[in-house]
Protein backbone atom coordinates (compact mmCIF):
# COMPACT_ATOMS: atom_id res chain seq x y z
CA MET A 1 5.39 -1.68 60.82
CA GLY A 2 4.79 1.14 58.34
CA GLY A 3 4.18 5.22 58.06
CA GLN A 4 4.00 8.20 56.05
CA SER A 5 5.81 11.85 55.91
CA SER A 6 4.00 15.12 54.98
CA SER A 7 4.93 18.53 54.00
CA THR A 8 2.92 21.54 52.94
CA GLN A 9 4.36 24.29 50.43
CA THR A 10 2.70 27.27 49.52
CA GLN A 11 3.78 29.19 46.68
CA GLN A 12 3.19 32.63 45.06
CA SER A 13 4.68 34.13 41.74
CA GLN A 14 4.08 36.96 39.02
CA THR A 15 5.32 37.74 35.78
CA THR A 16 5.05 40.96 33.96
CA PRO A 17 6.95 40.75 30.90
CA TRP A 18 5.14 42.83 28.80
CA ALA A 19 4.96 45.75 31.27
CA ALA A 20 6.70 47.89 29.26
CA THR A 21 4.66 46.99 26.08
CA GLN A 22 1.56 47.25 27.26
CA PRO A 23 0.88 50.40 25.61
CA MET A 24 1.42 48.49 22.28
CA LEU A 25 -0.42 45.68 23.43
CA GLN A 26 -3.41 47.52 24.37
CA GLY A 27 -3.47 49.28 20.90
CA ILE A 28 -3.35 45.95 19.30
CA LEU A 29 -6.00 44.90 21.19
CA SER A 30 -8.06 47.57 20.55
CA GLN A 31 -7.83 46.94 16.62
CA LEU A 32 -8.46 43.32 17.15
CA GLY A 33 -11.85 44.38 19.21
CA THR A 34 -12.75 46.60 15.99
CA GLY A 35 -11.71 43.89 13.54
CA LEU A 36 -14.13 41.45 15.21
CA ASN A 37 -17.03 44.04 13.89
CA ASN A 38 -15.79 43.52 10.75
CA THR A 39 -15.58 39.56 10.22
CA GLY A 40 -18.82 39.52 8.02
CA LEU A 41 -18.72 38.96 4.02
CA THR A 42 -17.35 41.64 2.12
CA THR A 43 -18.88 43.06 -0.94
CA ALA A 44 -16.45 40.90 -3.35
CA GLU A 45 -16.65 38.06 -1.15
CA THR A 46 -20.70 38.20 -1.54
CA GLY A 47 -20.84 38.81 -5.08
CA ALA A 48 -18.62 35.79 -5.64
CA LEU A 49 -20.27 33.36 -3.76
CA ASN A 50 -23.47 34.63 -5.54
CA THR A 51 -22.07 33.58 -8.62
CA LEU A 52 -21.08 30.17 -7.53
CA GLN A 53 -24.33 30.12 -5.92
CA ASN A 54 -25.99 30.59 -9.71
CA THR A 55 -23.72 28.93 -11.77
CA ALA A 56 -24.78 25.78 -9.18
CA ALA A 57 -28.28 26.33 -10.07
CA ALA A 58 -27.74 26.19 -13.70
CA GLY A 59 -26.51 22.83 -13.41
CA ASN A 60 -23.53 21.09 -15.42
CA PRO A 61 -23.89 22.28 -18.93
CA TYR A 62 -22.06 18.80 -20.26
CA ALA A 63 -24.02 16.31 -18.06
CA GLY A 64 -26.16 15.04 -21.15
CA GLN A 65 -23.27 14.43 -23.10
CA ILE A 66 -21.41 12.63 -20.27
CA GLY A 67 -24.23 10.51 -19.79
CA GLY A 68 -24.45 9.71 -23.35
CA TYR A 69 -20.60 9.01 -23.85
CA ALA A 70 -20.95 6.81 -20.44
CA SER A 71 -24.04 4.91 -22.16
CA SER A 72 -22.25 4.18 -25.53
CA LEU A 73 -19.08 2.98 -23.66
CA LEU A 74 -21.32 0.46 -21.41
CA ASN A 75 -22.74 -0.84 -24.78
CA GLY A 76 -19.15 -1.45 -25.84
CA GLY A 77 -18.88 1.61 -27.59
CA GLY A 78 -19.11 0.16 -31.49
CA ALA A 79 -16.14 -2.13 -30.86
CA THR A 80 -17.78 -5.09 -32.40
CA ALA A 81 -19.60 -2.92 -35.20
CA GLN A 82 -17.87 -4.17 -37.97
CA ALA A 83 -17.59 -7.93 -37.18
CA GLY A 84 -20.29 -8.88 -39.62
CA ASN A 85 -18.72 -7.38 -42.82
CA VAL A 86 -15.43 -9.38 -41.36
CA GLN A 87 -16.81 -12.60 -41.33
CA ASN A 88 -18.64 -11.36 -44.92
CA ASN A 89 -15.12 -10.60 -46.34
CA LEU A 90 -13.89 -14.31 -45.38
CA GLY A 91 -17.12 -16.03 -46.53
CA SER A 92 -16.26 -14.65 -49.92
CA PHE A 93 -12.98 -15.39 -49.93
CA GLN A 94 -13.71 -18.82 -49.17
CA ARG A 95 -16.16 -19.33 -52.14
CA GLN A 96 -13.34 -17.87 -54.31
CA LEU A 97 -10.57 -20.18 -53.30
CA SER A 98 -12.80 -23.52 -52.12
CA PRO A 99 -12.25 -24.86 -56.11
CA TYR A 100 -8.87 -24.77 -55.83
CA ALA A 101 -8.61 -25.80 -52.56
CA ASN A 102 -10.27 -28.83 -52.82
CA GLY A 103 -8.55 -29.80 -56.33
CA SER A 104 -11.50 -29.53 -58.29
CA MET A 105 -9.31 -27.05 -60.72
CA ILE A 106 -7.16 -29.90 -61.56
CA GLY A 107 -7.23 -30.67 -65.24
CA SER A 108 -9.87 -28.01 -65.80
CA ASN A 109 -8.15 -25.40 -67.00
CA PRO A 110 -9.50 -24.04 -70.57
CA ALA A 111 -6.00 -22.79 -71.33
CA LEU A 112 -4.30 -25.81 -71.16
CA ALA A 113 -7.26 -27.66 -73.88
CA ALA A 114 -6.54 -24.86 -76.19
CA GLN A 115 -2.39 -25.50 -76.04
CA LEU A 116 -2.81 -29.50 -76.03
CA ALA A 117 -4.94 -28.60 -79.24
CA GLN A 118 -2.36 -26.49 -80.94
CA ILE A 119 0.18 -29.08 -80.19
CA GLN A 120 -1.83 -31.69 -81.28
CA SER A 121 -2.03 -29.68 -84.77
CA ASP A 122 1.83 -28.53 -84.90
CA VAL A 123 2.77 -32.42 -84.59
CA GLY A 124 0.14 -33.55 -86.69
CA ASN A 125 1.20 -31.06 -89.67
CA SER A 126 4.72 -31.80 -89.25
CA ILE A 127 4.71 -35.69 -89.14
CA ASN A 128 1.64 -35.91 -91.96
CA SER A 129 3.73 -33.78 -94.36
CA GLN A 130 6.88 -35.90 -93.96
CA PHE A 131 4.91 -39.35 -94.48
CA ALA A 132 2.88 -37.60 -97.73
CA ALA A 133 6.52 -36.40 -99.19
CA ALA A 134 7.46 -40.06 -99.03
CA GLY A 135 4.06 -41.19 -100.32
CA ARG A 136 2.96 -42.78 -97.24
CA ASP A 137 0.28 -40.38 -95.68
CA LEU A 138 -2.40 -42.12 -94.20
CA SER A 139 -0.08 -45.35 -93.66
CA GLY A 140 -0.19 -47.48 -90.39
CA ALA A 141 3.40 -46.17 -89.68
CA ASN A 142 1.86 -42.61 -90.50
CA GLN A 143 -0.36 -43.17 -87.69
CA MET A 144 1.90 -44.58 -85.06
CA ALA A 145 4.73 -41.65 -85.43
CA TYR A 146 1.36 -39.11 -85.20
CA ALA A 147 0.17 -40.80 -81.76
CA ARG A 148 3.98 -40.74 -80.23
CA GLY A 149 4.49 -37.28 -81.52
CA VAL A 150 1.44 -36.04 -80.35
CA ALA A 151 1.90 -37.91 -76.93
CA ALA A 152 5.59 -36.79 -76.34
CA ALA A 153 4.59 -33.24 -77.29
CA GLN A 154 1.79 -32.91 -74.78
CA ALA A 155 2.95 -34.87 -72.02
CA PRO A 156 5.25 -32.43 -70.26
CA VAL A 157 2.62 -29.46 -70.83
CA ILE A 158 0.02 -31.48 -68.70
CA ALA A 159 2.45 -32.86 -66.18
CA ALA A 160 3.55 -29.27 -65.36
CA GLN A 161 -0.03 -28.11 -65.50
CA TYR A 162 -0.85 -30.67 -63.14
CA ASN A 163 2.07 -29.76 -60.72
CA GLN A 164 1.04 -26.35 -61.09
CA ASP A 165 -2.59 -26.88 -59.95
CA VAL A 166 -1.44 -29.14 -57.31
CA ALA A 167 0.60 -25.81 -56.12
CA ASN A 168 -2.20 -23.87 -56.31
CA GLN A 169 -4.18 -26.33 -54.29
CA ILE A 170 -1.93 -25.98 -51.31
CA SER A 171 -1.61 -22.55 -51.75
CA ALA A 172 -5.29 -21.75 -51.62
CA ALA A 173 -5.41 -24.46 -48.54
CA ASN A 174 -2.64 -22.13 -46.82
CA ALA A 175 -4.45 -18.92 -47.94
CA LEU A 176 -7.97 -20.00 -46.23
CA PHE A 177 -6.13 -21.03 -43.12
CA ASN A 178 -4.41 -17.94 -42.70
CA ALA A 179 -7.72 -15.92 -43.54
CA GLY A 180 -9.48 -17.89 -40.71
CA ASN A 181 -6.64 -16.91 -38.39
CA THR A 182 -6.87 -13.41 -39.17
CA THR A 183 -10.69 -13.13 -38.99
CA ALA A 184 -10.74 -14.91 -35.48
CA ASN A 185 -8.12 -12.67 -34.50
CA THR A 186 -9.64 -9.66 -35.75
CA LEU A 187 -12.86 -10.73 -34.35
CA SER A 188 -11.37 -11.44 -31.14
CA GLY A 189 -9.60 -8.11 -30.82
CA MET A 190 -13.01 -6.30 -31.17
CA GLN A 191 -14.59 -8.19 -28.45
CA GLN A 192 -11.56 -7.22 -26.26
CA ASN A 193 -12.07 -3.52 -26.95
CA TYR A 194 -16.19 -4.22 -26.52
CA ILE A 195 -15.14 -5.54 -23.04
CA ALA A 196 -12.58 -2.36 -22.57
CA ASN A 197 -14.68 -0.13 -23.19
CA GLN A 198 -17.71 -1.27 -20.81
CA GLY A 199 -14.75 -0.90 -18.17
CA GLN A 200 -14.11 2.55 -18.92
CA GLY A 201 -18.10 3.38 -19.32
CA VAL A 202 -18.10 2.46 -15.63
CA THR A 203 -15.71 5.01 -14.63
CA ALA A 204 -17.52 7.11 -17.13
CA ALA A 205 -20.86 6.57 -15.44
CA GLN A 206 -19.29 7.99 -11.80
CA SER A 207 -18.20 11.12 -13.84
CA ALA A 208 -21.92 11.01 -15.46
CA LEU A 209 -23.57 11.05 -11.94
CA ASP A 210 -20.91 13.66 -10.60
CA ALA A 211 -22.04 15.88 -13.44
CA GLN A 212 -25.74 15.09 -12.22
CA ASN A 213 -25.28 16.11 -8.80
CA TYR A 214 -22.68 18.71 -10.01
CA GLY A 215 -25.48 21.62 -8.96
CA ALA A 216 -26.36 20.34 -5.50
CA ASN A 217 -22.32 19.67 -5.02
CA ALA A 218 -21.42 23.21 -5.76
CA THR A 219 -24.22 24.45 -3.91
CA LEU A 220 -22.88 23.22 -0.67
CA ALA A 221 -19.48 24.36 -1.76
CA GLU A 222 -20.42 27.52 -1.83
CA GLU A 223 -22.73 27.90 1.45
CA ALA A 224 -19.40 26.45 3.25
CA GLN A 225 -17.30 29.19 2.01
CA ARG A 226 -20.29 31.60 3.03
CA ARG A 227 -20.37 30.27 6.60
CA GLY A 228 -16.29 29.86 6.50
CA ILE A 229 -15.05 33.05 5.48
CA PRO A 230 -16.26 34.91 9.14
CA VAL A 231 -15.31 31.75 11.15
CA GLN A 232 -11.98 31.82 9.94
CA ALA A 233 -11.71 35.76 10.29
CA LEU A 234 -12.40 35.09 13.83
CA SER A 235 -10.25 32.23 14.07
CA LEU A 236 -7.30 34.42 13.08
CA LEU A 237 -8.28 37.08 15.23
CA ALA A 238 -8.21 34.80 18.19
CA GLN A 239 -4.97 33.34 17.28
CA ILE A 240 -3.82 37.41 17.96
CA GLY A 241 -5.49 38.50 20.73
CA VAL A 242 -5.81 35.48 22.93
CA PRO A 243 -1.98 34.99 23.46
CA ILE A 244 -1.94 38.26 24.59
CA ALA A 245 -4.48 38.37 26.71
CA GLN A 246 -2.66 35.24 28.29
CA LEU A 247 0.67 37.55 28.73
CA GLY A 248 1.63 38.17 32.41
CA GLN A 249 -0.13 35.79 35.01
CA GLN A 250 -0.30 35.43 38.48
CA THR A 251 -0.42 32.01 40.70
CA ASN A 252 -1.05 31.24 44.04
CA GLY A 253 -1.24 27.33 44.97
CA THR A 254 -0.77 24.99 47.82
CA THR A 255 1.37 21.57 47.57
CA ASN A 256 0.73 18.79 49.58
CA SER A 257 2.93 15.83 49.28
CA THR A 258 2.71 12.36 51.09
CA GLN A 259 5.68 9.95 51.04
CA GLN A 260 4.98 6.51 52.05
CA MET A 261 7.85 4.63 53.02
CA SER A 262 7.65 0.70 54.01
CA GLY A 263 7.94 -0.87 57.60
CA ALA A 264 11.11 -2.52 56.37
CA GLN A 265 12.62 1.30 55.02
CA GLN A 266 11.47 3.03 58.52
CA PHE A 267 13.06 0.10 60.19
CA GLY A 268 16.37 0.03 58.94
CA ALA A 269 16.36 3.69 58.93
CA LEU A 270 15.87 3.77 62.89
CA ALA A 271 17.89 0.47 63.11
CA SER A 272 21.58 2.31 62.89
CA GLY A 273 20.59 4.78 66.32
CA ILE A 274 18.88 2.03 68.02
CA GLY A 275 21.60 -0.35 68.21
CA SER A 276 23.60 1.22 71.04
CA LEU A 277 20.51 1.27 73.51
CA PHE A 278 19.31 -2.20 73.21
CA LYS A 279 21.23 -5.85 73.63
CA PHE A 280 19.77 -7.13 70.35
CA THR A 281 20.86 -4.95 66.86
CA PRO A 282 18.48 -5.45 63.97
CA SER A 283 20.28 -7.36 61.54
CA ASP A 284 18.18 -8.95 59.30
CA ALA A 285 19.16 -8.75 55.66
CA ARG A 286 15.57 -7.93 54.57
CA LEU A 287 16.83 -4.77 56.28
CA LYS A 288 19.92 -3.65 54.15
CA ASP A 289 20.91 -2.42 50.92
CA ASP A 290 24.34 -2.41 49.00
CA ILE A 291 25.45 -6.02 50.75
CA VAL A 292 28.99 -6.76 50.02
CA ALA A 293 31.28 -9.66 51.77
CA VAL A 294 34.32 -8.20 53.53
CA GLY A 295 35.44 -11.19 55.33
CA VAL A 296 35.00 -14.24 57.67
CA LEU A 297 35.15 -14.34 61.61
CA PHE A 298 37.34 -17.28 63.09
CA ASP A 299 34.38 -19.32 63.57
CA GLY A 300 33.30 -18.76 59.86
CA THR A 301 30.43 -16.34 59.96
CA PRO A 302 30.42 -13.84 57.33
CA VAL A 303 31.14 -10.33 57.74
CA TYR A 304 29.55 -7.82 55.27
CA GLY A 305 29.76 -4.11 54.88
CA TYR A 306 25.83 -2.80 53.84
CA ARG A 307 23.75 0.45 54.63
CA TYR A 308 20.30 0.42 56.46
CA LYS A 309 17.30 0.88 54.07
CA GLY A 310 17.00 4.66 53.92
CA ALA A 311 19.89 5.62 56.21
CA PRO A 312 23.18 7.30 54.42
CA ALA A 313 25.65 5.72 57.16
CA TYR A 314 27.63 2.48 56.04
CA HIS A 315 28.27 -0.35 58.56
CA ILE A 316 30.46 -3.27 58.82
CA GLY A 317 28.63 -5.97 60.80
CA LEU A 318 27.32 -9.96 60.64
CA MET A 319 23.85 -10.61 58.79
CA ALA A 320 21.20 -12.38 61.04
CA GLN A 321 20.21 -15.24 58.55
CA ASP A 322 23.86 -16.35 58.95
CA VAL A 323 24.47 -15.86 62.90
CA GLU A 324 21.28 -17.96 62.91
CA ARG A 325 22.71 -20.84 61.50
CA ILE A 326 26.01 -20.91 63.48
CA THR A 327 24.79 -19.57 66.78
CA PRO A 328 21.13 -19.67 66.85
CA HIS A 329 20.64 -18.68 70.56
CA ALA A 330 22.26 -15.11 69.36
CA VAL A 331 19.34 -14.27 67.48
CA ILE A 332 15.77 -13.30 68.05
CA GLU A 333 12.95 -11.37 66.04
CA ILE A 334 11.52 -7.79 66.88
CA ASN A 335 8.38 -7.00 64.93
CA GLY A 336 9.24 -9.82 62.00
CA TYR A 337 12.81 -9.09 61.38
CA LYS A 338 15.64 -10.50 62.95
CA ALA A 339 17.81 -9.07 65.89
CA VAL A 340 21.64 -10.33 66.59
CA ASP A 341 23.36 -9.93 70.32
CA TYR A 342 26.71 -9.41 69.03
CA ARG A 343 28.50 -10.11 72.31
CA ALA A 344 26.63 -14.26 71.71
CA ALA A 345 27.30 -13.91 68.10
CA THR A 346 31.18 -13.32 68.37
CA GLU A 347 32.32 -15.19 71.59
CA ALA A 348 33.23 -18.23 69.89
CA SER A 349 34.93 -16.44 67.51
CA ARG A 350 37.00 -14.59 70.26
CA LYS A 351 37.86 -17.89 71.84
CA ILE A 352 39.43 -19.05 69.18
CA GLY A 353 41.61 -16.09 68.49
CA GLU A 354 42.54 -16.15 71.94
CA ALA A 355 43.69 -19.55 71.95
CA ARG A 356 46.22 -18.66 68.74
């Protein structure tokens, strides 16, 4: 079972809050109308736009320099230009120190030979003069003393020079090692600068391209201004005029509304009114809302408080589903919903009550 309810409402309203200011508003609208004829470019605006147009036509005067800068960076920007000189300096340093580093200079100091000759002469003169004074010069003892004296005097000098030559060898080897590392780091730094310059060149290349397109982009921007200024002026006037023109409205309308009620709601709305007309009272749980248990009959049948769906009245009574379990013959169906014969449903409970 189902149905619907309909209603129609006609409304008419008129608002004129602006009536008192109508003369002033008409004056404003009149001025706006005059302004609509003056939305074109002014002389100053035209002159400025023409200047922009001429500048755009001339192009970017720095486009060539920007392009050259970008090209230089993409080629490394000269970061490794001195790499050859750095390597040559290392080679010259290596050639100069190599004799000392490989040990070939040990015992080859020209100054050492002169020093040893001087020692030999001094020792010989001293010993030989002593033996000559004793009348024993050129004797075997003289020669032995001479040899030992020279050896004893030269040995410390030779040992010291050897140690110095070895120290010079170690120092030269360390210097060559450090020079090699320094040169490698220098060349690596140059290469890193080379790569960094290439990265900057990629960025500069875009700037160079922008510089080449400067004229076309500037022309587009100038033309956008030439078209946009009148449109902007019209927009500003419209923002003032349109709201004023919309002040005060008269509306007429008809509203139709339809409320659809389910069969359960309609049946519930009628249930409280038809119960007194029939032996069976609609008491299906599906027809009720706000159901609360409030008690129990003597035979155990629950009693509830409830409202029928769609109806405001509050009732106390039985639930058809409960009655059907306890007293099946007291329940029937009407249009798919259960109804209860209250006399039959409560008969057993009344007898129990009378017997007490």
